[in-house]
Amino acid sequence: MYGARLRGTVTAPLTGNYTFFIASDDSGEFWLSETSSALDKRLIARHGGWTGFNVWDKYDTQRSRMYTLQAGQEYYIEGLMQENGGGDHLSIG
């Protein structure tokens, strides 16, 4: 068993409403901050079992609600996955 964490920032290309998705093998979480700071992050999408690579609709909780992002602003993001055996991956869309 092991886990992986991806973290960084994303800059919104346009002002508008964005929905985020997570897919991973096995369980996964996706965190978003409405600032560039990790201190403000909150869990917005997750799933407790495995999904196929880029399979965004196996669990209802893989999809976040819509977030309004401002063009040019940086937002902190973080993806987590836990692997229990077999293949592994982490996808965020």
N, C-alpha and C. Protein backbone atom coordinates (compact mmCIF):
# COMPACT_ATOMS: atom_id res chain seq x y z
N MET A 1 0.85 -1.18 0.00
CA MET A 1 0.00 0.00 0.00
C MET A 1 0.90 1.24 0.00
N TYR A 2 0.52 2.23 -0.78
CA TYR A 2 1.22 3.50 -0.82
C TYR A 2 0.27 4.57 -1.33
N GLY A 3 0.71 5.80 -1.28
CA GLY A 3 -0.10 6.91 -1.77
C GLY A 3 0.74 7.88 -2.57
N ALA A 4 0.06 8.79 -3.23
CA ALA A 4 0.74 9.83 -4.00
C ALA A 4 -0.01 11.14 -3.82
N ARG A 5 0.75 12.24 -3.88
CA ARG A 5 0.16 13.57 -3.79
C ARG A 5 0.72 14.42 -4.90
N LEU A 6 -0.16 15.08 -5.64
CA LEU A 6 0.21 16.06 -6.65
C LEU A 6 -0.29 17.40 -6.16
N ARG A 7 0.55 18.41 -6.19
CA ARG A 7 0.10 19.73 -5.75
C ARG A 7 0.76 20.81 -6.58
N GLY A 8 0.06 21.91 -6.70
CA GLY A 8 0.56 23.03 -7.48
C GLY A 8 -0.50 24.10 -7.57
N THR A 9 -0.40 24.93 -8.59
CA THR A 9 -1.41 25.95 -8.82
C THR A 9 -1.89 25.86 -10.25
N VAL A 10 -3.10 26.33 -10.45
CA VAL A 10 -3.68 26.45 -11.78
C VAL A 10 -4.11 27.90 -11.94
N THR A 11 -3.91 28.45 -13.12
CA THR A 11 -4.33 29.81 -13.41
C THR A 11 -5.52 29.74 -14.36
N ALA A 12 -6.62 30.35 -13.96
CA ALA A 12 -7.82 30.33 -14.80
C ALA A 12 -7.56 31.11 -16.09
N PRO A 13 -7.79 30.50 -17.26
CA PRO A 13 -7.57 31.21 -18.51
C PRO A 13 -8.65 32.26 -18.80
N LEU A 14 -9.85 31.99 -18.33
CA LEU A 14 -11.00 32.89 -18.53
C LEU A 14 -11.79 32.97 -17.25
N THR A 15 -12.44 34.09 -16.99
CA THR A 15 -13.36 34.16 -15.86
C THR A 15 -14.60 33.36 -16.22
N GLY A 16 -15.01 32.50 -15.29
CA GLY A 16 -16.18 31.68 -15.55
C GLY A 16 -16.36 30.60 -14.51
N ASN A 17 -17.35 29.75 -14.75
CA ASN A 17 -17.67 28.65 -13.84
C ASN A 17 -16.92 27.40 -14.28
N TYR A 18 -16.27 26.75 -13.31
CA TYR A 18 -15.48 25.55 -13.57
C TYR A 18 -15.95 24.42 -12.66
N THR A 19 -16.00 23.22 -13.20
CA THR A 19 -16.29 22.01 -12.45
C THR A 19 -15.05 21.12 -12.54
N PHE A 20 -14.68 20.50 -11.43
CA PHE A 20 -13.49 19.66 -11.38
C PHE A 20 -13.89 18.20 -11.15
N PHE A 21 -13.02 17.30 -11.62
CA PHE A 21 -13.26 15.86 -11.51
C PHE A 21 -11.99 15.17 -11.04
N ILE A 22 -12.15 14.02 -10.39
CA ILE A 22 -11.01 13.19 -10.01
C ILE A 22 -11.31 11.74 -10.38
N ALA A 23 -10.28 11.04 -10.84
CA ALA A 23 -10.34 9.60 -11.10
C ALA A 23 -9.02 9.02 -10.63
N SER A 24 -9.07 7.90 -9.92
CA SER A 24 -7.83 7.29 -9.44
C SER A 24 -8.05 5.83 -9.08
N ASP A 25 -6.95 5.14 -8.95
CA ASP A 25 -6.93 3.74 -8.51
C ASP A 25 -5.87 3.68 -7.41
N ASP A 26 -6.32 3.55 -6.19
CA ASP A 26 -7.67 3.25 -5.71
C ASP A 26 -8.36 4.57 -5.32
N SER A 27 -8.56 4.83 -4.04
CA SER A 27 -9.32 6.00 -3.61
C SER A 27 -8.58 7.30 -3.93
N GLY A 28 -9.35 8.41 -4.03
CA GLY A 28 -8.73 9.69 -4.35
C GLY A 28 -9.49 10.87 -3.78
N GLU A 29 -8.78 11.97 -3.63
CA GLU A 29 -9.36 13.23 -3.16
C GLU A 29 -8.81 14.38 -4.01
N PHE A 30 -9.64 15.39 -4.24
CA PHE A 30 -9.19 16.59 -4.93
C PHE A 30 -9.53 17.80 -4.06
N TRP A 31 -8.53 18.63 -3.80
CA TRP A 31 -8.64 19.80 -2.95
C TRP A 31 -8.41 21.04 -3.79
N LEU A 32 -9.15 22.11 -3.48
CA LEU A 32 -9.03 23.38 -4.17
C LEU A 32 -9.01 24.50 -3.15
N SER A 33 -8.17 25.49 -3.39
CA SER A 33 -8.18 26.71 -2.59
C SER A 33 -8.67 27.83 -3.49
N GLU A 34 -9.46 28.71 -2.96
CA GLU A 34 -9.92 29.85 -3.75
C GLU A 34 -8.89 30.99 -3.73
N THR A 35 -7.67 30.65 -3.26
CA THR A 35 -6.50 31.54 -3.32
C THR A 35 -5.32 30.69 -3.79
N SER A 36 -4.14 31.26 -3.85
CA SER A 36 -2.95 30.49 -4.22
C SER A 36 -2.32 29.79 -3.02
N SER A 37 -2.92 29.90 -1.85
CA SER A 37 -2.38 29.33 -0.62
C SER A 37 -3.01 27.97 -0.29
N ALA A 38 -2.15 27.02 0.08
CA ALA A 38 -2.63 25.71 0.53
C ALA A 38 -3.39 25.81 1.85
N LEU A 39 -3.18 26.86 2.60
CA LEU A 39 -3.85 27.02 3.89
C LEU A 39 -5.37 27.17 3.74
N ASP A 40 -5.82 27.60 2.56
CA ASP A 40 -7.25 27.82 2.33
C ASP A 40 -7.93 26.67 1.59
N LYS A 41 -7.21 25.56 1.39
CA LYS A 41 -7.76 24.46 0.58
C LYS A 41 -8.94 23.79 1.29
N ARG A 42 -9.83 23.24 0.43
CA ARG A 42 -10.93 22.43 0.97
C ARG A 42 -11.22 21.29 0.00
N LEU A 43 -11.70 20.20 0.55
CA LEU A 43 -12.01 19.01 -0.23
C LEU A 43 -13.24 19.29 -1.09
N ILE A 44 -13.10 19.11 -2.42
CA ILE A 44 -14.23 19.40 -3.30
C ILE A 44 -14.70 18.20 -4.11
N ALA A 45 -13.89 17.14 -4.21
CA ALA A 45 -14.30 15.93 -4.93
C ALA A 45 -13.50 14.76 -4.37
N ARG A 46 -14.12 13.57 -4.36
CA ARG A 46 -13.45 12.40 -3.79
C ARG A 46 -14.15 11.14 -4.26
N HIS A 47 -13.50 10.02 -4.04
CA HIS A 47 -14.15 8.71 -4.17
C HIS A 47 -13.39 7.70 -3.34
N GLY A 48 -14.09 6.68 -2.86
CA GLY A 48 -13.50 5.72 -1.94
C GLY A 48 -13.08 4.41 -2.57
N GLY A 49 -13.37 4.19 -3.83
CA GLY A 49 -12.99 2.96 -4.52
C GLY A 49 -12.15 3.31 -5.73
N TRP A 50 -11.89 2.33 -6.57
CA TRP A 50 -11.07 2.58 -7.76
C TRP A 50 -11.93 3.02 -8.93
N THR A 51 -11.31 3.72 -9.86
CA THR A 51 -11.93 4.04 -11.14
C THR A 51 -10.93 3.72 -12.24
N GLY A 52 -11.41 3.57 -13.45
CA GLY A 52 -10.51 3.45 -14.59
C GLY A 52 -9.88 4.80 -14.89
N PHE A 53 -8.81 4.78 -15.69
CA PHE A 53 -8.11 6.00 -16.07
C PHE A 53 -9.07 6.94 -16.80
N ASN A 54 -9.17 8.17 -16.33
CA ASN A 54 -10.05 9.20 -16.90
C ASN A 54 -11.52 8.81 -16.93
N VAL A 55 -11.95 7.94 -16.04
CA VAL A 55 -13.37 7.61 -15.89
C VAL A 55 -13.92 8.57 -14.83
N TRP A 56 -14.68 9.56 -15.29
CA TRP A 56 -15.11 10.68 -14.44
C TRP A 56 -16.47 10.49 -13.80
N ASP A 57 -17.19 9.41 -14.12
CA ASP A 57 -18.59 9.31 -13.68
C ASP A 57 -18.94 8.00 -12.99
N LYS A 58 -17.99 7.31 -12.40
CA LYS A 58 -18.28 6.07 -11.68
C LYS A 58 -18.97 6.36 -10.35
N TYR A 59 -18.55 7.44 -9.68
CA TYR A 59 -19.13 7.83 -8.39
C TYR A 59 -19.62 9.28 -8.48
N ASP A 60 -20.76 9.56 -7.89
CA ASP A 60 -21.28 10.94 -7.90
C ASP A 60 -20.33 11.93 -7.25
N THR A 61 -19.56 11.48 -6.27
CA THR A 61 -18.68 12.38 -5.51
C THR A 61 -17.40 12.74 -6.26
N GLN A 62 -17.16 12.16 -7.44
CA GLN A 62 -15.97 12.49 -8.23
C GLN A 62 -16.06 13.88 -8.84
N ARG A 63 -17.23 14.44 -8.91
CA ARG A 63 -17.47 15.72 -9.56
C ARG A 63 -17.72 16.79 -8.50
N SER A 64 -17.04 17.92 -8.64
CA SER A 64 -17.25 19.03 -7.70
C SER A 64 -18.49 19.83 -8.12
N ARG A 65 -18.88 20.73 -7.27
CA ARG A 65 -19.87 21.73 -7.68
C ARG A 65 -19.14 22.74 -8.55
N MET A 66 -19.84 23.69 -9.12
CA MET A 66 -19.20 24.73 -9.93
C MET A 66 -18.54 25.77 -9.04
N TYR A 67 -17.35 26.19 -9.46
CA TYR A 67 -16.62 27.26 -8.79
C TYR A 67 -16.37 28.37 -9.80
N THR A 68 -16.62 29.59 -9.40
CA THR A 68 -16.34 30.73 -10.26
C THR A 68 -14.89 31.16 -10.05
N LEU A 69 -14.10 31.07 -11.12
CA LEU A 69 -12.70 31.44 -11.08
C LEU A 69 -12.49 32.70 -11.92
N GLN A 70 -11.53 33.51 -11.50
CA GLN A 70 -11.23 34.77 -12.17
C GLN A 70 -10.02 34.61 -13.09
N ALA A 71 -10.13 35.11 -14.30
CA ALA A 71 -9.03 35.04 -15.27
C ALA A 71 -7.75 35.61 -14.69
N GLY A 72 -6.65 34.89 -14.87
CA GLY A 72 -5.34 35.35 -14.42
C GLY A 72 -5.02 35.08 -12.97
N GLN A 73 -6.00 34.65 -12.17
CA GLN A 73 -5.75 34.37 -10.76
C GLN A 73 -5.24 32.95 -10.59
N GLU A 74 -4.27 32.77 -9.69
CA GLU A 74 -3.75 31.44 -9.37
C GLU A 74 -4.57 30.82 -8.24
N TYR A 75 -4.83 29.52 -8.37
CA TYR A 75 -5.56 28.75 -7.37
C TYR A 75 -4.73 27.53 -7.01
N TYR A 76 -4.59 27.27 -5.72
CA TYR A 76 -3.87 26.08 -5.26
C TYR A 76 -4.74 24.86 -5.48
N ILE A 77 -4.14 23.77 -5.99
CA ILE A 77 -4.85 22.49 -6.16
C ILE A 77 -3.99 21.38 -5.59
N GLU A 78 -4.67 20.31 -5.15
CA GLU A 78 -3.97 19.15 -4.60
C GLU A 78 -4.79 17.90 -4.88
N GLY A 79 -4.13 16.89 -5.43
CA GLY A 79 -4.77 15.59 -5.67
C GLY A 79 -4.07 14.52 -4.87
N LEU A 80 -4.85 13.64 -4.26
CA LEU A 80 -4.32 12.54 -3.46
C LEU A 80 -4.89 11.23 -3.98
N MET A 81 -4.07 10.17 -3.96
CA MET A 81 -4.58 8.84 -4.26
C MET A 81 -3.91 7.84 -3.33
N GLN A 82 -4.64 6.74 -3.08
CA GLN A 82 -4.11 5.65 -2.26
C GLN A 82 -4.19 4.38 -3.09
N GLU A 83 -3.10 3.67 -3.17
CA GLU A 83 -3.03 2.41 -3.92
C GLU A 83 -2.96 1.24 -2.95
N ASN A 84 -3.84 0.26 -3.16
CA ASN A 84 -3.87 -0.93 -2.32
C ASN A 84 -3.33 -2.17 -3.02
N GLY A 85 -3.21 -2.15 -4.33
CA GLY A 85 -2.69 -3.30 -5.07
C GLY A 85 -3.15 -3.22 -6.52
N GLY A 86 -2.37 -3.78 -7.43
CA GLY A 86 -2.73 -3.75 -8.84
C GLY A 86 -2.22 -2.48 -9.49
N GLY A 87 -2.94 -2.03 -10.54
CA GLY A 87 -2.55 -0.82 -11.27
C GLY A 87 -2.79 0.43 -10.44
N ASP A 88 -2.26 1.54 -10.92
CA ASP A 88 -2.48 2.80 -10.22
C ASP A 88 -2.48 3.97 -11.19
N HIS A 89 -3.18 5.03 -10.82
CA HIS A 89 -3.18 6.27 -11.59
C HIS A 89 -3.91 7.34 -10.79
N LEU A 90 -3.72 8.57 -11.18
CA LEU A 90 -4.42 9.72 -10.61
C LEU A 90 -4.66 10.70 -11.74
N SER A 91 -5.92 11.02 -12.00
CA SER A 91 -6.29 11.96 -13.07
C SER A 91 -7.17 13.05 -12.47
N ILE A 92 -6.91 14.28 -12.88
CA ILE A 92 -7.73 15.41 -12.46
C ILE A 92 -8.15 16.17 -13.71
N GLY A 93 -9.42 16.47 -13.81
CA GLY A 93 -9.91 17.17 -14.99
C GLY A 93 -10.82 18.31 -14.62
